[in-house]
């Protein structure tokens, strides 16, 4: 969220712009936040299993799972996805973007 408590538009124009926005409005220079974002990226973008992420970061899989879910929920609260990403006509709402554990896909 920005200083006016409004959700920040999370751009989908390219990875550089996306991560710059994440840095400016969410992670800053916080190493722990970046570590959690890396876990989310490995899970969401690369499809890594929780067990391998846990091994890579030296954590238990339960901790990794909770970290990923908590980070995704926090991102959903702070950002809104840019509409019309990759030709999608429907506007995104709070529950689109990262997969939502509270609303599993069929």
Foldseek 3Di string as FASTA:
>chain_A
DDPVQDAAEQEPPDDVSNVVCCCVQPCPPPPVLVLLVVLLCCCQVVVDDLVVNCVVVVHDSVVNVVSNQVSLLVNLSRHAYDPCRPHHHDGTHSCDDGDHPVDDDD
